[in-house]
Amino acid sequence: MKKGQDTHRKAQNIFRSHRGVLRTGKAIRAGIHPRTLYKMRDVGMIERLSRGLYRLSDLPPLSEPDIIAVTMRVPESVLCLISALAFHEMTTQIPHEIYIAIKRNSRTPRVDYPPVRIFRFSGMAFTEGVEIHKIDGVSIHVYSPEKTLADCFKYRHKIGLDTAIESLKLYRERKRVKYDLLMHFAKICRVMKIMRPYLESMI
């Protein structure tokens, strides 16, 4: 085996030990030379998911490549609002951006692709109601259906009150209604007075 082929094989093995996806910095720290990384990209052995994020090309297609790319680029983020609604099948909208929440005082992440819409949450509004799901072997942080509904009413002026009301109707149709939990998150998001009439119409 030629030296170049052996180098690429070792680099592929490093990628596979990380589920086939690596950021540039982590790949270099794991022992892949930058020259090797870019050569693998140029010959099609790896594909670019986002800036500085690569995946082995011979793996099965990702079911949610945009969500995975953002999660890998911004691991401290949580999928929220329209993206969380879509994840939980509680909207008829097709999000054209990935909606994520980050801590209020966090640095603004640099994501050139896919399009990202960032919301800054603080305190319990950021930490409460987070679920962890696996997509293509990657852990995704997403707010629960109930937390997402409270967030939608809180940000109704940005996503539309009609979107929040529709999501509540779809939640009632497709999920087991957890009234107490809904009220818990409504309190955290300070939208109890706004949500209560809609919630009471559900029971």
C-alpha atoms as a PDB file:
ATOM      1  CA  MET A   1       0.000   0.000   0.000  1.00  0.00           C
ATOM      2  CA  LYS A   2       1.331   3.422  -0.966  1.00  0.00           C
ATOM      3  CA  LYS A   3       2.108   5.886   1.801  1.00  0.00           C
ATOM      4  CA  GLY A   4      -0.691   8.255   0.716  1.00  0.00           C
ATOM      5  CA  GLN A   5      -3.248   5.451   0.657  1.00  0.00           C
ATOM      6  CA  ASP A   6      -2.149   4.273   4.096  1.00  0.00           C
ATOM      7  CA  THR A   7      -2.441   7.836   5.446  1.00  0.00           C
ATOM      8  CA  HIS A   8      -5.958   8.150   4.045  1.00  0.00           C
ATOM      9  CA  ARG A   9      -6.956   4.746   5.449  1.00  0.00           C
ATOM     10  CA  LYS A  10      -5.766   5.756   8.916  1.00  0.00           C
ATOM     11  CA  ALA A  11      -7.627   9.047   8.603  1.00  0.00           C
ATOM     12  CA  GLN A  12     -10.797   7.196   7.564  1.00  0.00           C
ATOM     13  CA  ASN A  13     -10.487   4.977  10.629  1.00  0.00           C
ATOM     14  CA  ILE A  14     -10.219   8.056  12.839  1.00  0.00           C
ATOM     15  CA  PHE A  15     -13.391   9.423  11.237  1.00  0.00           C
ATOM     16  CA  ARG A  16     -15.192   6.095  11.776  1.00  0.00           C
ATOM     17  CA  SER A  17     -14.218   6.094  15.448  1.00  0.00           C
ATOM     18  CA  HIS A  18     -16.125   9.413  15.690  1.00  0.00           C
ATOM     19  CA  ARG A  19     -19.244   8.148  13.871  1.00  0.00           C
ATOM     20  CA  GLY A  20     -17.910   9.439  10.568  1.00  0.00           C
ATOM     21  CA  VAL A  21     -18.178  13.161  11.409  1.00  0.00           C
ATOM     22  CA  LEU A  22     -15.392  15.479  12.595  1.00  0.00           C
ATOM     23  CA  ARG A  23     -14.729  19.156  12.926  1.00  0.00           C
ATOM     24  CA  THR A  24     -11.407  20.340  11.514  1.00  0.00           C
ATOM     25  CA  GLY A  25      -9.846  21.098  14.892  1.00  0.00           C
ATOM     26  CA  LYS A  26     -10.848  17.778  16.380  1.00  0.00           C
ATOM     27  CA  ALA A  27      -9.616  15.901  13.307  1.00  0.00           C
ATOM     28  CA  ILE A  28      -6.223  17.566  13.585  1.00  0.00           C
ATOM     29  CA  ARG A  29      -6.000  16.846  17.326  1.00  0.00           C
ATOM     30  CA  ALA A  30      -6.883  13.222  16.571  1.00  0.00           C
ATOM     31  CA  GLY A  31      -3.850  12.935  14.298  1.00  0.00           C
ATOM     32  CA  ILE A  32      -5.084  13.878  10.812  1.00  0.00           C
ATOM     33  CA  HIS A  33      -2.773  16.365   9.119  1.00  0.00           C
ATOM     34  CA  PRO A  34      -4.591  19.360   7.567  1.00  0.00           C
ATOM     35  CA  ARG A  35      -3.066  18.497   4.185  1.00  0.00           C
ATOM     36  CA  THR A  36      -4.514  14.989   4.431  1.00  0.00           C
ATOM     37  CA  LEU A  37      -7.918  16.352   5.412  1.00  0.00           C
ATOM     38  CA  TYR A  38      -8.124  18.715   2.449  1.00  0.00           C
ATOM     39  CA  LYS A  39      -6.843  16.053   0.061  1.00  0.00           C
ATOM     40  CA  MET A  40      -9.587  13.701   1.253  1.00  0.00           C
ATOM     41  CA  ARG A  41     -12.087  16.468   0.621  1.00  0.00           C
ATOM     42  CA  ASP A  42     -10.722  17.193  -2.855  1.00  0.00           C
ATOM     43  CA  VAL A  43     -10.878  13.539  -3.964  1.00  0.00           C
ATOM     44  CA  GLY A  44     -14.375  13.047  -2.517  1.00  0.00           C
ATOM     45  CA  MET A  45     -13.537  10.798   0.443  1.00  0.00           C
ATOM     46  CA  ILE A  46     -15.203  13.265   2.817  1.00  0.00           C
ATOM     47  CA  GLU A  47     -17.965  15.800   2.274  1.00  0.00           C
ATOM     48  CA  ARG A  48     -18.325  19.234   3.800  1.00  0.00           C
ATOM     49  CA  LEU A  49     -21.451  19.603   5.943  1.00  0.00           C
ATOM     50  CA  SER A  50     -20.668  23.127   7.091  1.00  0.00           C
ATOM     51  CA  ARG A  51     -17.651  25.353   7.587  1.00  0.00           C
ATOM     52  CA  GLY A  52     -14.993  23.214   9.253  1.00  0.00           C
ATOM     53  CA  LEU A  53     -17.262  20.163   9.549  1.00  0.00           C
ATOM     54  CA  TYR A  54     -16.697  17.027   7.474  1.00  0.00           C
ATOM     55  CA  ARG A  55     -18.277  13.592   7.065  1.00  0.00           C
ATOM     56  CA  LEU A  56     -17.177  10.401   5.325  1.00  0.00           C
ATOM     57  CA  SER A  57     -18.761  10.258   1.883  1.00  0.00           C
ATOM     58  CA  ASP A  58     -19.366   6.498   1.886  1.00  0.00           C
ATOM     59  CA  LEU A  59     -21.793   6.610   4.834  1.00  0.00           C
ATOM     60  CA  PRO A  60     -25.574   6.373   4.314  1.00  0.00           C
ATOM     61  CA  PRO A  61     -27.265   9.742   3.674  1.00  0.00           C
ATOM     62  CA  LEU A  62     -28.167  11.722   6.784  1.00  0.00           C
ATOM     63  CA  SER A  63     -31.884  11.993   7.539  1.00  0.00           C
ATOM     64  CA  GLU A  64     -31.493  15.533   8.955  1.00  0.00           C
ATOM     65  CA  PRO A  65     -28.198  16.900   7.605  1.00  0.00           C
ATOM     66  CA  ASP A  66     -28.930  20.550   8.447  1.00  0.00           C
ATOM     67  CA  ILE A  67     -29.882  19.854  12.069  1.00  0.00           C
ATOM     68  CA  ILE A  68     -26.834  17.633  12.529  1.00  0.00           C
ATOM     69  CA  ALA A  69     -24.531  20.226  10.970  1.00  0.00           C
ATOM     70  CA  VAL A  70     -25.786  22.947  13.326  1.00  0.00           C
ATOM     71  CA  THR A  71     -25.622  20.644  16.353  1.00  0.00           C
ATOM     72  CA  MET A  72     -22.027  19.733  15.578  1.00  0.00           C
ATOM     73  CA  ARG A  73     -21.092  23.376  14.982  1.00  0.00           C
ATOM     74  CA  VAL A  74     -22.961  24.702  18.049  1.00  0.00           C
ATOM     75  CA  PRO A  75     -23.115  21.774  20.509  1.00  0.00           C
ATOM     76  CA  GLU A  76     -24.404  23.940  23.381  1.00  0.00           C
ATOM     77  CA  SER A  77     -27.492  24.983  21.394  1.00  0.00           C
ATOM     78  CA  VAL A  78     -31.035  23.653  21.732  1.00  0.00           C
ATOM     79  CA  LEU A  79     -33.447  23.204  18.836  1.00  0.00           C
ATOM     80  CA  CYS A  80     -36.372  25.546  19.463  1.00  0.00           C
ATOM     81  CA  LEU A  81     -39.523  27.209  18.113  1.00  0.00           C
ATOM     82  CA  ILE A  82     -40.324  26.324  14.461  1.00  0.00           C
ATOM     83  CA  SER A  83     -37.560  23.724  14.228  1.00  0.00           C
ATOM     84  CA  ALA A  84     -38.698  22.072  17.469  1.00  0.00           C
ATOM     85  CA  LEU A  85     -42.318  22.169  16.263  1.00  0.00           C
ATOM     86  CA  ALA A  86     -41.286  20.451  13.037  1.00  0.00           C
ATOM     87  CA  PHE A  87     -39.275  17.869  14.986  1.00  0.00           C
ATOM     88  CA  HIS A  88     -42.324  17.059  17.136  1.00  0.00           C
ATOM     89  CA  GLU A  89     -44.687  17.183  14.104  1.00  0.00           C
ATOM     90  CA  MET A  90     -46.671  20.064  15.577  1.00  0.00           C
ATOM     91  CA  THR A  91     -46.667  22.462  12.626  1.00  0.00           C
ATOM     92  CA  THR A  92     -47.551  22.547   8.958  1.00  0.00           C
ATOM     93  CA  GLN A  93     -44.682  24.948   8.312  1.00  0.00           C
ATOM     94  CA  ILE A  94     -41.472  23.864   6.653  1.00  0.00           C
ATOM     95  CA  PRO A  95     -38.670  25.760   8.410  1.00  0.00           C
ATOM     96  CA  HIS A  96     -36.247  27.430   6.013  1.00  0.00           C
ATOM     97  CA  GLU A  97     -33.827  28.110   8.854  1.00  0.00           C
ATOM     98  CA  ILE A  98     -32.642  26.068  11.815  1.00  0.00           C
ATOM     99  CA  TYR A  99     -34.035  27.733  14.940  1.00  0.00           C
ATOM    100  CA  ILE A 100     -31.730  27.358  17.928  1.00  0.00           C
ATOM    101  CA  ALA A 101     -31.572  28.733  21.449  1.00  0.00           C
ATOM    102  CA  ILE A 102     -28.294  29.629  23.108  1.00  0.00           C
ATOM    103  CA  LYS A 103     -27.479  31.108  26.517  1.00  0.00           C
ATOM    104  CA  ARG A 104     -28.093  34.833  26.608  1.00  0.00           C
ATOM    105  CA  ASN A 105     -24.454  35.779  27.249  1.00  0.00           C
ATOM    106  CA  SER A 106     -22.922  33.258  24.840  1.00  0.00           C
ATOM    107  CA  ARG A 107     -20.799  34.314  21.906  1.00  0.00           C
ATOM    108  CA  THR A 108     -22.701  34.452  18.647  1.00  0.00           C
ATOM    109  CA  PRO A 109     -21.806  31.245  16.773  1.00  0.00           C
ATOM    110  CA  ARG A 110     -20.474  31.468  13.235  1.00  0.00           C
ATOM    111  CA  VAL A 111     -22.445  29.160  10.971  1.00  0.00           C
ATOM    112  CA  ASP A 112     -22.285  29.936   7.258  1.00  0.00           C
ATOM    113  CA  TYR A 113     -24.517  27.039   6.270  1.00  0.00           C
ATOM    114  CA  PRO A 114     -27.268  26.000   6.800  1.00  0.00           C
ATOM    115  CA  PRO A 115     -29.185  29.219   7.555  1.00  0.00           C
ATOM    116  CA  VAL A 116     -29.591  29.617  11.316  1.00  0.00           C
ATOM    117  CA  ARG A 117     -31.895  31.824  13.367  1.00  0.00           C
ATOM    118  CA  ILE A 118     -30.590  32.372  16.877  1.00  0.00           C
ATOM    119  CA  PHE A 119     -32.610  33.141  19.999  1.00  0.00           C
ATOM    120  CA  ARG A 120     -31.025  33.972  23.337  1.00  0.00           C
ATOM    121  CA  PHE A 121     -32.676  32.351  26.348  1.00  0.00           C
ATOM    122  CA  SER A 122     -31.692  32.865  29.969  1.00  0.00           C
ATOM    123  CA  GLY A 123     -32.048  30.968  33.239  1.00  0.00           C
ATOM    124  CA  MET A 124     -34.737  28.295  33.420  1.00  0.00           C
ATOM    125  CA  ALA A 125     -36.101  29.392  30.051  1.00  0.00           C
ATOM    126  CA  PHE A 126     -32.899  27.965  28.577  1.00  0.00           C
ATOM    127  CA  THR A 127     -32.253  24.956  30.819  1.00  0.00           C
ATOM    128  CA  GLU A 128     -35.765  23.573  31.440  1.00  0.00           C
ATOM    129  CA  GLY A 129     -37.592  21.190  29.118  1.00  0.00           C
ATOM    130  CA  VAL A 130     -34.569  19.993  27.148  1.00  0.00           C
ATOM    131  CA  GLU A 131     -34.838  16.526  25.602  1.00  0.00           C
ATOM    132  CA  ILE A 132     -31.994  14.561  24.028  1.00  0.00           C
ATOM    133  CA  HIS A 133     -32.738  12.578  20.886  1.00  0.00           C
ATOM    134  CA  LYS A 134     -30.471  10.566  18.626  1.00  0.00           C
ATOM    135  CA  ILE A 135     -30.464  11.311  14.907  1.00  0.00           C
ATOM    136  CA  ASP A 136     -28.061   9.296  12.773  1.00  0.00           C
ATOM    137  CA  GLY A 137     -26.034   8.568  15.897  1.00  0.00           C
ATOM    138  CA  VAL A 138     -25.720  12.239  16.871  1.00  0.00           C
ATOM    139  CA  SER A 139     -27.264  13.544  20.120  1.00  0.00           C
ATOM    140  CA  ILE A 140     -29.663  16.394  19.388  1.00  0.00           C
ATOM    141  CA  HIS A 141     -30.887  18.767  22.103  1.00  0.00           C
ATOM    142  CA  VAL A 142     -34.468  19.874  21.498  1.00  0.00           C
ATOM    143  CA  TYR A 143     -37.104  21.439  23.711  1.00  0.00           C
ATOM    144  CA  SER A 144     -40.027  19.200  24.668  1.00  0.00           C
ATOM    145  CA  PRO A 145     -43.431  19.743  23.013  1.00  0.00           C
ATOM    146  CA  GLU A 146     -44.768  21.512  26.104  1.00  0.00           C
ATOM    147  CA  LYS A 147     -41.751  23.818  26.492  1.00  0.00           C
ATOM    148  CA  THR A 148     -41.845  24.585  22.775  1.00  0.00           C
ATOM    149  CA  LEU A 149     -45.485  25.647  22.972  1.00  0.00           C
ATOM    150  CA  ALA A 150     -44.703  28.084  25.784  1.00  0.00           C
ATOM    151  CA  ASP A 151     -41.764  29.442  23.770  1.00  0.00           C
ATOM    152  CA  CYS A 152     -44.014  29.911  20.723  1.00  0.00           C
ATOM    153  CA  PHE A 153     -46.457  32.039  22.709  1.00  0.00           C
ATOM    154  CA  LYS A 154     -43.579  33.991  24.228  1.00  0.00           C
ATOM    155  CA  TYR A 155     -42.146  34.726  20.777  1.00  0.00           C
ATOM    156  CA  ARG A 156     -45.538  35.059  19.060  1.00  0.00           C
ATOM    157  CA  HIS A 157     -44.606  38.492  17.694  1.00  0.00           C
ATOM    158  CA  LYS A 158     -41.622  36.966  15.890  1.00  0.00           C
ATOM    159  CA  ILE A 159     -43.124  33.704  14.615  1.00  0.00           C
ATOM    160  CA  GLY A 160     -46.804  34.696  14.497  1.00  0.00           C
ATOM    161  CA  LEU A 161     -49.654  34.078  16.929  1.00  0.00           C
ATOM    162  CA  ASP A 162     -51.356  31.937  14.284  1.00  0.00           C
ATOM    163  CA  THR A 163     -48.326  29.615  14.311  1.00  0.00           C
ATOM    164  CA  ALA A 164     -48.526  29.265  18.105  1.00  0.00           C
ATOM    165  CA  ILE A 165     -52.275  28.555  18.026  1.00  0.00           C
ATOM    166  CA  GLU A 166     -51.907  26.015  15.214  1.00  0.00           C
ATOM    167  CA  SER A 167     -49.140  24.220  17.098  1.00  0.00           C
ATOM    168  CA  LEU A 168     -51.349  24.010  20.191  1.00  0.00           C
ATOM    169  CA  LYS A 169     -54.180  22.473  18.141  1.00  0.00           C
ATOM    170  CA  LEU A 170     -51.832  19.923  16.576  1.00  0.00           C
ATOM    171  CA  TYR A 171     -50.413  19.129  20.013  1.00  0.00           C
ATOM    172  CA  ARG A 172     -53.928  18.375  21.268  1.00  0.00           C
ATOM    173  CA  GLU A 173     -54.599  16.135  18.260  1.00  0.00           C
ATOM    174  CA  ARG A 174     -51.292  14.253  18.182  1.00  0.00           C
ATOM    175  CA  LYS A 175     -49.959  14.188  21.743  1.00  0.00           C
ATOM    176  CA  ARG A 176     -51.194  13.322  25.196  1.00  0.00           C
ATOM    177  CA  VAL A 177     -52.098  16.668  26.687  1.00  0.00           C
ATOM    178  CA  LYS A 178     -50.053  17.423  29.803  1.00  0.00           C
ATOM    179  CA  TYR A 179     -51.889  20.443  31.159  1.00  0.00           C
ATOM    180  CA  ASP A 180     -49.847  20.824  34.364  1.00  0.00           C
ATOM    181  CA  LEU A 181     -46.593  20.664  32.416  1.00  0.00           C
ATOM    182  CA  LEU A 182     -47.865  23.211  29.915  1.00  0.00           C
ATOM    183  CA  MET A 183     -48.724  25.570  32.763  1.00  0.00           C
ATOM    184  CA  HIS A 184     -45.308  24.956  34.339  1.00  0.00           C
ATOM    185  CA  PHE A 185     -43.502  26.116  31.207  1.00  0.00           C
ATOM    186  CA  ALA A 186     -45.999  28.928  30.634  1.00  0.00           C
ATOM    187  CA  LYS A 187     -45.031  30.237  34.061  1.00  0.00           C
ATOM    188  CA  ILE A 188     -41.309  29.960  33.290  1.00  0.00           C
ATOM    189  CA  CYS A 189     -41.818  31.833  30.012  1.00  0.00           C
ATOM    190  CA  ARG A 190     -44.163  34.350  31.673  1.00  0.00           C
ATOM    191  CA  VAL A 191     -47.050  33.718  29.288  1.00  0.00           C
ATOM    192  CA  MET A 192     -49.587  32.130  31.663  1.00  0.00           C
ATOM    193  CA  LYS A 193     -52.209  34.859  31.137  1.00  0.00           C
ATOM    194  CA  ILE A 194     -51.808  34.623  27.373  1.00  0.00           C
ATOM    195  CA  MET A 195     -51.849  30.833  27.153  1.00  0.00           C
ATOM    196  CA  ARG A 196     -54.495  30.038  29.782  1.00  0.00           C
ATOM    197  CA  PRO A 197     -57.583  30.823  27.626  1.00  0.00           C
ATOM    198  CA  TYR A 198     -56.251  28.632  24.833  1.00  0.00           C
ATOM    199  CA  LEU A 199     -55.301  25.843  27.255  1.00  0.00           C
ATOM    200  CA  GLU A 200     -58.669  25.937  29.010  1.00  0.00           C
ATOM    201  CA  SER A 201     -60.427  25.530  25.678  1.00  0.00           C
ATOM    202  CA  MET A 202     -58.593  22.215  25.297  1.00  0.00           C
ATOM    203  CA  ILE A 203     -60.083  20.570  28.390  1.00  0.00           C
END
